[in-house]
Amino acid sequence: MLAHGAERRLFDLLLKHCRERGWIKERGKQRTDATPVLAAIRTLRRLECVGETMRHALTVRAEVAPVWLLEPRDPAWAERDEKRAE
């Protein structure tokens, strides 16, 4: 990335998405130690932990009882499960 200058494009894309979601303002300085920023980071970290716990539990379940994976499932769950937590 560094050799071809892609880091700047990646950073600009990240800034664009953060602005669209209202996480940073167009003008002024953004403090990273502000309470809302720390709270958002804490929330994202908790969601990441829940996702990793679910992934691990389902992996173990698939190893212990692989027949369970072959049972029919509700199509609504299939739509939700096809997207990764990241």
PDB file of N, CA and C in Angstrom:
ATOM      1  N   MET A   1       0.820  -1.199   0.000  1.00  0.00           N
ATOM      2  CA  MET A   1       0.000   0.000   0.000  1.00  0.00           C
ATOM      3  C   MET A   1       0.859   1.256   0.000  1.00  0.00           C
ATOM      4  N   LEU A   2       1.879   1.269   0.833  1.00  0.00           N
ATOM      5  CA  LEU A   2       2.705   2.467   0.953  1.00  0.00           C
ATOM      6  C   LEU A   2       3.478   2.750  -0.327  1.00  0.00           C
ATOM      7  N   ALA A   3       3.934   1.710  -0.993  1.00  0.00           N
ATOM      8  CA  ALA A   3       4.736   1.892  -2.201  1.00  0.00           C
ATOM      9  C   ALA A   3       3.949   2.573  -3.317  1.00  0.00           C
ATOM     10  N   HIS A   4       2.648   2.376  -3.358  1.00  0.00           N
ATOM     11  CA  HIS A   4       1.823   2.927  -4.438  1.00  0.00           C
ATOM     12  C   HIS A   4       0.929   4.074  -3.985  1.00  0.00           C
ATOM     13  N   GLY A   5       1.095   4.546  -2.760  1.00  0.00           N
ATOM     14  CA  GLY A   5       0.313   5.680  -2.277  1.00  0.00           C
ATOM     15  C   GLY A   5      -1.137   5.351  -1.976  1.00  0.00           C
ATOM     16  N   ALA A   6      -1.458   4.089  -1.805  1.00  0.00           N
ATOM     17  CA  ALA A   6      -2.847   3.693  -1.568  1.00  0.00           C
ATOM     18  C   ALA A   6      -3.314   4.045  -0.168  1.00  0.00           C
ATOM     19  N   GLU A   7      -2.377   4.311   0.740  1.00  0.00           N
ATOM     20  CA  GLU A   7      -2.790   4.625   2.109  1.00  0.00           C
ATOM     21  C   GLU A   7      -3.614   5.912   2.159  1.00  0.00           C
ATOM     22  N   ARG A   8      -3.316   6.871   1.318  1.00  0.00           N
ATOM     23  CA  ARG A   8      -4.070   8.128   1.303  1.00  0.00           C
ATOM     24  C   ARG A   8      -5.493   7.893   0.788  1.00  0.00           C
ATOM     25  N   ARG A   9      -5.623   7.062  -0.258  1.00  0.00           N
ATOM     26  CA  ARG A   9      -6.960   6.762  -0.782  1.00  0.00           C
ATOM     27  C   ARG A   9      -7.800   6.028   0.256  1.00  0.00           C
ATOM     28  N   LEU A  10      -7.174   5.100   0.968  1.00  0.00           N
ATOM     29  CA  LEU A  10      -7.871   4.368   2.018  1.00  0.00           C
ATOM     30  C   LEU A  10      -8.305   5.311   3.135  1.00  0.00           C
ATOM     31  N   PHE A  11      -7.413   6.214   3.536  1.00  0.00           N
ATOM     32  CA  PHE A  11      -7.728   7.175   4.584  1.00  0.00           C
ATOM     33  C   PHE A  11      -8.866   8.101   4.151  1.00  0.00           C
ATOM     34  N   ASP A  12      -8.828   8.591   2.905  1.00  0.00           N
ATOM     35  CA  ASP A  12      -9.898   9.464   2.404  1.00  0.00           C
ATOM     36  C   ASP A  12     -11.237   8.735   2.365  1.00  0.00           C
ATOM     37  N   LEU A  13     -11.234   7.471   1.981  1.00  0.00           N
ATOM     38  CA  LEU A  13     -12.462   6.680   1.959  1.00  0.00           C
ATOM     39  C   LEU A  13     -13.009   6.499   3.379  1.00  0.00           C
ATOM     40  N   LEU A  14     -12.120   6.231   4.332  1.00  0.00           N
ATOM     41  CA  LEU A  14     -12.531   6.102   5.726  1.00  0.00           C
ATOM     42  C   LEU A  14     -13.146   7.405   6.234  1.00  0.00           C
ATOM     43  N   LEU A  15     -12.514   8.538   5.930  1.00  0.00           N
ATOM     44  CA  LEU A  15     -13.061   9.839   6.336  1.00  0.00           C
ATOM     45  C   LEU A  15     -14.441  10.085   5.734  1.00  0.00           C
ATOM     46  N   LYS A  16     -14.591   9.737   4.461  1.00  0.00           N
ATOM     47  CA  LYS A  16     -15.879   9.932   3.788  1.00  0.00           C
ATOM     48  C   LYS A  16     -16.988   9.149   4.498  1.00  0.00           C
ATOM     49  N   HIS A  17     -16.717   7.884   4.821  1.00  0.00           N
ATOM     50  CA  HIS A  17     -17.730   7.057   5.488  1.00  0.00           C
ATOM     51  C   HIS A  17     -18.027   7.582   6.895  1.00  0.00           C
ATOM     52  N   CYS A  18     -17.012   8.034   7.596  1.00  0.00           N
ATOM     53  CA  CYS A  18     -17.222   8.578   8.948  1.00  0.00           C
ATOM     54  C   CYS A  18     -18.071   9.845   8.901  1.00  0.00           C
ATOM     55  N   ARG A  19     -17.825  10.690   7.898  1.00  0.00           N
ATOM     56  CA  ARG A  19     -18.637  11.912   7.753  1.00  0.00           C
ATOM     57  C   ARG A  19     -20.082  11.580   7.415  1.00  0.00           C
ATOM     58  N   GLU A  20     -20.285  10.603   6.516  1.00  0.00           N
ATOM     59  CA  GLU A  20     -21.647  10.209   6.126  1.00  0.00           C
ATOM     60  C   GLU A  20     -22.444   9.695   7.313  1.00  0.00           C
ATOM     61  N   ARG A  21     -21.780   9.026   8.242  1.00  0.00           N
ATOM     62  CA  ARG A  21     -22.462   8.472   9.409  1.00  0.00           C
ATOM     63  C   ARG A  21     -22.560   9.476  10.560  1.00  0.00           C
ATOM     64  N   GLY A  22     -21.981  10.665  10.378  1.00  0.00           N
ATOM     65  CA  GLY A  22     -22.063  11.695  11.400  1.00  0.00           C
ATOM     66  C   GLY A  22     -21.099  11.488  12.561  1.00  0.00           C
ATOM     67  N   TRP A  23     -20.082  10.659  12.360  1.00  0.00           N
ATOM     68  CA  TRP A  23     -19.128  10.390  13.437  1.00  0.00           C
ATOM     69  C   TRP A  23     -18.110  11.511  13.590  1.00  0.00           C
ATOM     70  N   ILE A  24     -17.854  12.239  12.501  1.00  0.00           N
ATOM     71  CA  ILE A  24     -16.961  13.390  12.574  1.00  0.00           C
ATOM     72  C   ILE A  24     -17.612  14.547  11.844  1.00  0.00           C
ATOM     73  N   LYS A  25     -17.235  15.748  12.244  1.00  0.00           N
ATOM     74  CA  LYS A  25     -17.808  16.947  11.652  1.00  0.00           C
ATOM     75  C   LYS A  25     -16.923  17.438  10.507  1.00  0.00           C
ATOM     76  N   GLU A  26     -17.511  18.238   9.629  1.00  0.00           N
ATOM     77  CA  GLU A  26     -16.787  18.770   8.480  1.00  0.00           C
ATOM     78  C   GLU A  26     -15.717  19.773   8.897  1.00  0.00           C
ATOM     79  N   ARG A  27     -15.979  20.544   9.930  1.00  0.00           N
ATOM     80  CA  ARG A  27     -15.013  21.559  10.322  1.00  0.00           C
ATOM     81  C   ARG A  27     -14.604  21.336  11.777  1.00  0.00           C
ATOM     82  N   GLY A  28     -13.511  21.933  12.163  1.00  0.00           N
ATOM     83  CA  GLY A  28     -13.061  21.845  13.543  1.00  0.00           C
ATOM     84  C   GLY A  28     -12.199  20.625  13.790  1.00  0.00           C
ATOM     85  N   LYS A  29     -11.730  20.536  15.005  1.00  0.00           N
ATOM     86  CA  LYS A  29     -10.885  19.412  15.394  1.00  0.00           C
ATOM     87  C   LYS A  29     -11.726  18.338  16.059  1.00  0.00           C
ATOM     88  N   GLN A  30     -11.362  17.123  15.820  1.00  0.00           N
ATOM     89  CA  GLN A  30     -12.064  15.981  16.397  1.00  0.00           C
ATOM     90  C   GLN A  30     -11.204  15.412  17.509  1.00  0.00           C
ATOM     91  N   ARG A  31     -11.732  15.407  18.697  1.00  0.00           N
ATOM     92  CA  ARG A  31     -10.996  14.859  19.828  1.00  0.00           C
ATOM     93  C   ARG A  31     -11.281  13.371  19.940  1.00  0.00           C
ATOM     94  N   THR A  32     -10.236  12.585  20.044  1.00  0.00           N
ATOM     95  CA  THR A  32     -10.424  11.142  20.152  1.00  0.00           C
ATOM     96  C   THR A  32     -10.638  10.693  21.591  1.00  0.00           C
ATOM     97  N   ASP A  33     -10.442  11.602  22.541  1.00  0.00           N
ATOM     98  CA  ASP A  33     -10.664  11.239  23.935  1.00  0.00           C
ATOM     99  C   ASP A  33     -12.008  11.742  24.449  1.00  0.00           C
ATOM    100  N   ALA A  34     -12.844  12.257  23.545  1.00  0.00           N
ATOM    101  CA  ALA A  34     -14.159  12.750  23.939  1.00  0.00           C
ATOM    102  C   ALA A  34     -15.042  11.580  24.381  1.00  0.00           C
ATOM    103  N   THR A  35     -15.914  11.842  25.330  1.00  0.00           N
ATOM    104  CA  THR A  35     -16.777  10.800  25.886  1.00  0.00           C
ATOM    105  C   THR A  35     -17.590  10.071  24.817  1.00  0.00           C
ATOM    106  N   PRO A  36     -18.230  10.762  23.862  1.00  0.00           N
ATOM    107  CA  PRO A  36     -18.988  10.028  22.833  1.00  0.00           C
ATOM    108  C   PRO A  36     -18.110   9.111  21.981  1.00  0.00           C
ATOM    109  N   VAL A  37     -16.885   9.545  21.699  1.00  0.00           N
ATOM    110  CA  VAL A  37     -15.985   8.710  20.901  1.00  0.00           C
ATOM    111  C   VAL A  37     -15.609   7.460  21.685  1.00  0.00           C
ATOM    112  N   LEU A  38     -15.249   7.633  22.939  1.00  0.00           N
ATOM    113  CA  LEU A  38     -14.889   6.485  23.770  1.00  0.00           C
ATOM    114  C   LEU A  38     -16.074   5.536  23.953  1.00  0.00           C
ATOM    115  N   ALA A  39     -17.282   6.089  24.094  1.00  0.00           N
ATOM    116  CA  ALA A  39     -18.476   5.251  24.250  1.00  0.00           C
ATOM    117  C   ALA A  39     -18.751   4.458  22.973  1.00  0.00           C
ATOM    118  N   ALA A  40     -18.570   5.099  21.815  1.00  0.00           N
ATOM    119  CA  ALA A  40     -18.791   4.396  20.542  1.00  0.00           C
ATOM    120  C   ALA A  40     -17.774   3.269  20.366  1.00  0.00           C
ATOM    121  N   ILE A  41     -16.530   3.533  20.736  1.00  0.00           N
ATOM    122  CA  ILE A  41     -15.491   2.501  20.636  1.00  0.00           C
ATOM    123  C   ILE A  41     -15.816   1.340  21.564  1.00  0.00           C
ATOM    124  N   ARG A  42     -16.255   1.659  22.772  1.00  0.00           N
ATOM    125  CA  ARG A  42     -16.607   0.615  23.738  1.00  0.00           C
ATOM    126  C   ARG A  42     -17.753  -0.241  23.210  1.00  0.00           C
ATOM    127  N   THR A  43     -18.755   0.392  22.617  1.00  0.00           N
ATOM    128  CA  THR A  43     -19.896  -0.340  22.060  1.00  0.00           C
ATOM    129  C   THR A  43     -19.460  -1.252  20.918  1.00  0.00           C
ATOM    130  N   LEU A  44     -18.629  -0.718  20.017  1.00  0.00           N
ATOM    131  CA  LEU A  44     -18.146  -1.541  18.908  1.00  0.00           C
ATOM    132  C   LEU A  44     -17.317  -2.716  19.401  1.00  0.00           C
ATOM    133  N   ARG A  45     -16.524  -2.498  20.434  1.00  0.00           N
ATOM    134  CA  ARG A  45     -15.705  -3.579  20.991  1.00  0.00           C
ATOM    135  C   ARG A  45     -16.592  -4.671  21.587  1.00  0.00           C
ATOM    136  N   ARG A  46     -17.657  -4.265  22.277  1.00  0.00           N
ATOM    137  CA  ARG A  46     -18.570  -5.257  22.850  1.00  0.00           C
ATOM    138  C   ARG A  46     -19.263  -6.060  21.761  1.00  0.00           C
ATOM    139  N   LEU A  47     -19.683  -5.385  20.698  1.00  0.00           N
ATOM    140  CA  LEU A  47     -20.316  -6.091  19.581  1.00  0.00           C
ATOM    141  C   LEU A  47     -19.340  -7.064  18.936  1.00  0.00           C
ATOM    142  N   GLU A  48     -18.089  -6.654  18.818  1.00  0.00           N
ATOM    143  CA  GLU A  48     -17.072  -7.547  18.262  1.00  0.00           C
ATOM    144  C   GLU A  48     -16.893  -8.780  19.142  1.00  0.00           C
ATOM    145  N   CYS A  49     -16.894  -8.593  20.447  1.00  0.00           N
ATOM    146  CA  CYS A  49     -16.752  -9.729  21.368  1.00  0.00           C
ATOM    147  C   CYS A  49     -17.941 -10.687  21.255  1.00  0.00           C
ATOM    148  N   VAL A  50     -19.138 -10.152  21.127  1.00  0.00           N
ATOM    149  CA  VAL A  50     -20.321 -10.996  20.968  1.00  0.00           C
ATOM    150  C   VAL A  50     -20.239 -11.786  19.668  1.00  0.00           C
ATOM    151  N   GLY A  51     -19.836 -11.123  18.596  1.00  0.00           N
ATOM    152  CA  GLY A  51     -19.712 -11.808  17.306  1.00  0.00           C
ATOM    153  C   GLY A  51     -18.678 -12.922  17.348  1.00  0.00           C
ATOM    154  N   GLU A  52     -17.542 -12.665  17.981  1.00  0.00           N
ATOM    155  CA  GLU A  52     -16.502 -13.691  18.085  1.00  0.00           C
ATOM    156  C   GLU A  52     -16.954 -14.851  18.972  1.00  0.00           C
ATOM    157  N   THR A  53     -17.696 -14.552  20.031  1.00  0.00           N
ATOM    158  CA  THR A  53     -18.213 -15.604  20.900  1.00  0.00           C
ATOM    159  C   THR A  53     -19.194 -16.493  20.138  1.00  0.00           C
ATOM    160  N   MET A  54     -20.080 -15.873  19.370  1.00  0.00           N
ATOM    161  CA  MET A  54     -21.038 -16.645  18.572  1.00  0.00           C
ATOM    162  C   MET A  54     -20.328 -17.501  17.526  1.00  0.00           C
ATOM    163  N   ARG A  55     -19.324 -16.917  16.857  1.00  0.00           N
ATOM    164  CA  ARG A  55     -18.575 -17.662  15.844  1.00  0.00           C
ATOM    165  C   ARG A  55     -17.903 -18.882  16.466  1.00  0.00           C
ATOM    166  N   HIS A  56     -17.275 -18.686  17.608  1.00  0.00           N
ATOM    167  CA  HIS A  56     -16.588 -19.793  18.280  1.00  0.00           C
ATOM    168  C   HIS A  56     -17.589 -20.874  18.721  1.00  0.00           C
ATOM    169  N   ALA A  57     -18.706 -20.446  19.311  1.00  0.00           N
ATOM    170  CA  ALA A  57     -19.711 -21.406  19.780  1.00  0.00           C
ATOM    171  C   ALA A  57     -20.267 -22.229  18.623  1.00  0.00           C
ATOM    172  N   LEU A  58     -20.538 -21.588  17.498  1.00  0.00           N
ATOM    173  CA  LEU A  58     -21.074 -22.316  16.340  1.00  0.00           C
ATOM    174  C   LEU A  58     -20.034 -23.240  15.717  1.00  0.00           C
ATOM    175  N   THR A  59     -18.780 -22.834  15.752  1.00  0.00           N
ATOM    176  CA  THR A  59     -17.710 -23.693  15.236  1.00  0.00           C
ATOM    177  C   THR A  59     -17.583 -24.947  16.091  1.00  0.00           C
ATOM    178  N   VAL A  60     -17.593 -24.782  17.402  1.00  0.00           N
ATOM    179  CA  VAL A  60     -17.511 -25.932  18.306  1.00  0.00           C
ATOM    180  C   VAL A  60     -18.725 -26.827  18.125  1.00  0.00           C
ATOM    181  N   ARG A  61     -19.893 -26.213  18.005  1.00  0.00           N
ATOM    182  CA  ARG A  61     -21.132 -26.981  17.814  1.00  0.00           C
ATOM    183  C   ARG A  61     -21.059 -27.808  16.529  1.00  0.00           C
ATOM    184  N   ALA A  62     -20.497 -27.215  15.476  1.00  0.00           N
ATOM    185  CA  ALA A  62     -20.372 -27.926  14.199  1.00  0.00           C
ATOM    186  C   ALA A  62     -19.401 -29.099  14.309  1.00  0.00           C
ATOM    187  N   GLU A  63     -18.383 -28.969  15.140  1.00  0.00           N
ATOM    188  CA  GLU A  63     -17.421 -30.064  15.328  1.00  0.00           C
ATOM    189  C   GLU A  63     -18.019 -31.188  16.175  1.00  0.00           C
ATOM    190  N   VAL A  64     -18.773 -30.816  17.204  1.00  0.00           N
ATOM    191  CA  VAL A  64     -19.335 -31.805  18.132  1.00  0.00           C
ATOM    192  C   VAL A  64     -20.549 -32.503  17.536  1.00  0.00           C
ATOM    193  N   ALA A  65     -21.408 -31.742  16.866  1.00  0.00           N
ATOM    194  CA  ALA A  65     -22.651 -32.306  16.321  1.00  0.00           C
ATOM    195  C   ALA A  65     -22.845 -31.839  14.883  1.00  0.00           C
ATOM    196  N   PRO A  66     -22.078 -32.380  13.935  1.00  0.00           N
ATOM    197  CA  PRO A  66     -22.182 -31.914  12.545  1.00  0.00           C
ATOM    198  C   PRO A  66     -23.548 -32.161  11.908  1.00  0.00           C
ATOM    199  N   VAL A  67     -24.302 -33.134  12.409  1.00  0.00           N
ATOM    200  CA  VAL A  67     -25.631 -33.409  11.860  1.00  0.00           C
ATOM    201  C   VAL A  67     -26.551 -32.211  12.075  1.00  0.00           C
ATOM    202  N   TRP A  68     -26.301 -31.470  13.134  1.00  0.00           N
ATOM    203  CA  TRP A  68     -27.102 -30.287  13.457  1.00  0.00           C
ATOM    204  C   TRP A  68     -27.093 -29.290  12.309  1.00  0.00           C
ATOM    205  N   LEU A  69     -25.973 -29.208  11.585  1.00  0.00           N
ATOM    206  CA  LEU A  69     -25.877 -28.270  10.474  1.00  0.00           C
ATOM    207  C   LEU A  69     -26.750 -28.664   9.293  1.00  0.00           C
ATOM    208  N   LEU A  70     -27.110 -29.926   9.204  1.00  0.00           N
ATOM    209  CA  LEU A  70     -27.897 -30.408   8.075  1.00  0.00           C
ATOM    210  C   LEU A  70     -29.402 -30.236   8.264  1.00  0.00           C
ATOM    211  N   GLU A  71     -29.812 -29.901   9.475  1.00  0.00           N
ATOM    212  CA  GLU A  71     -31.238 -29.709   9.748  1.00  0.00           C
ATOM    213  C   GLU A  71     -31.758 -28.479   9.000  1.00  0.00           C
ATOM    214  N   PRO A  72     -33.010 -28.517   8.567  1.00  0.00           N
ATOM    215  CA  PRO A  72     -33.575 -27.347   7.862  1.00  0.00           C
ATOM    216  C   PRO A  72     -33.622 -26.132   8.790  1.00  0.00           C
ATOM    217  N   ARG A  73     -33.392 -24.941   8.204  1.00  0.00           N
ATOM    218  CA  ARG A  73     -33.458 -23.715   8.991  1.00  0.00           C
ATOM    219  C   ARG A  73     -34.458 -22.744   8.374  1.00  0.00           C
ATOM    220  N   ASP A  74     -34.850 -21.823   9.188  1.00  0.00           N
ATOM    221  CA  ASP A  74     -35.742 -20.763   8.753  1.00  0.00           C
ATOM    222  C   ASP A  74     -35.000 -19.897   7.724  1.00  0.00           C
ATOM    223  N   PRO A  75     -35.592 -19.624   6.559  1.00  0.00           N
ATOM    224  CA  PRO A  75     -34.907 -18.822   5.530  1.00  0.00           C
ATOM    225  C   PRO A  75     -34.507 -17.422   6.020  1.00  0.00           C
ATOM    226  N   ALA A  76     -35.263 -16.862   6.945  1.00  0.00           N
ATOM    227  CA  ALA A  76     -34.906 -15.536   7.472  1.00  0.00           C
ATOM    228  C   ALA A  76     -33.559 -15.586   8.186  1.00  0.00           C
ATOM    229  N   TRP A  77     -33.283 -16.687   8.891  1.00  0.00           N
ATOM    230  CA  TRP A  77     -31.991 -16.837   9.571  1.00  0.00           C
ATOM    231  C   TRP A  77     -30.867 -16.985   8.557  1.00  0.00           C
ATOM    232  N   ALA A  78     -31.135 -17.648   7.457  1.00  0.00           N
ATOM    233  CA  ALA A  78     -30.110 -17.820   6.423  1.00  0.00           C
ATOM    234  C   ALA A  78     -29.687 -16.470   5.860  1.00  0.00           C
ATOM    235  N   GLU A  79     -30.641 -15.571   5.648  1.00  0.00           N
ATOM    236  CA  GLU A  79     -30.323 -14.236   5.138  1.00  0.00           C
ATOM    237  C   GLU A  79     -29.462 -13.462   6.126  1.00  0.00           C
ATOM    238  N   ARG A  80     -29.774 -13.570   7.407  1.00  0.00           N
ATOM    239  CA  ARG A  80     -28.983 -12.870   8.428  1.00  0.00           C
ATOM    240  C   ARG A  80     -27.596 -13.467   8.585  1.00  0.00           C
ATOM    241  N   ASP A  81     -27.496 -14.792   8.470  1.00  0.00           N
ATOM    242  CA  ASP A  81     -26.230 -15.474   8.715  1.00  0.00           C
ATOM    243  C   ASP A  81     -25.237 -15.355   7.569  1.00  0.00           C
ATOM    244  N   GLU A  82     -25.706 -15.024   6.370  1.00  0.00           N
ATOM    245  CA  GLU A  82     -24.785 -15.019   5.240  1.00  0.00           C
ATOM    246  C   GLU A  82     -23.806 -13.849   5.285  1.00  0.00           C
ATOM    247  N   LYS A  83     -24.101 -12.820   6.062  1.00  0.00           N
ATOM    248  CA  LYS A  83     -23.191 -11.666   6.175  1.00  0.00           C
ATOM    249  C   LYS A  83     -22.288 -11.852   7.377  1.00  0.00           C
ATOM    250  N   ARG A  84     -21.020 -11.523   7.183  1.00  0.00           N
ATOM    251  CA  ARG A  84     -20.050 -11.629   8.275  1.00  0.00           C
ATOM    252  C   ARG A  84     -20.250 -10.488   9.272  1.00  0.00           C
ATOM    253  N   ALA A  85     -19.848 -10.712  10.484  1.00  0.00           N
ATOM    254  CA  ALA A  85     -20.017  -9.717  11.540  1.00  0.00           C
ATOM    255  C   ALA A  85     -19.153  -8.476  11.320  1.00  0.00           C
ATOM    256  N   GLU A  86     -18.037  -8.634  10.609  1.00  0.00           N
ATOM    257  CA  GLU A  86     -17.159  -7.488  10.389  1.00  0.00           C
ATOM    258  C   GLU A  86     -17.874  -6.407   9.633  1.00  0.00           C
TER     259      GLU A  86
END
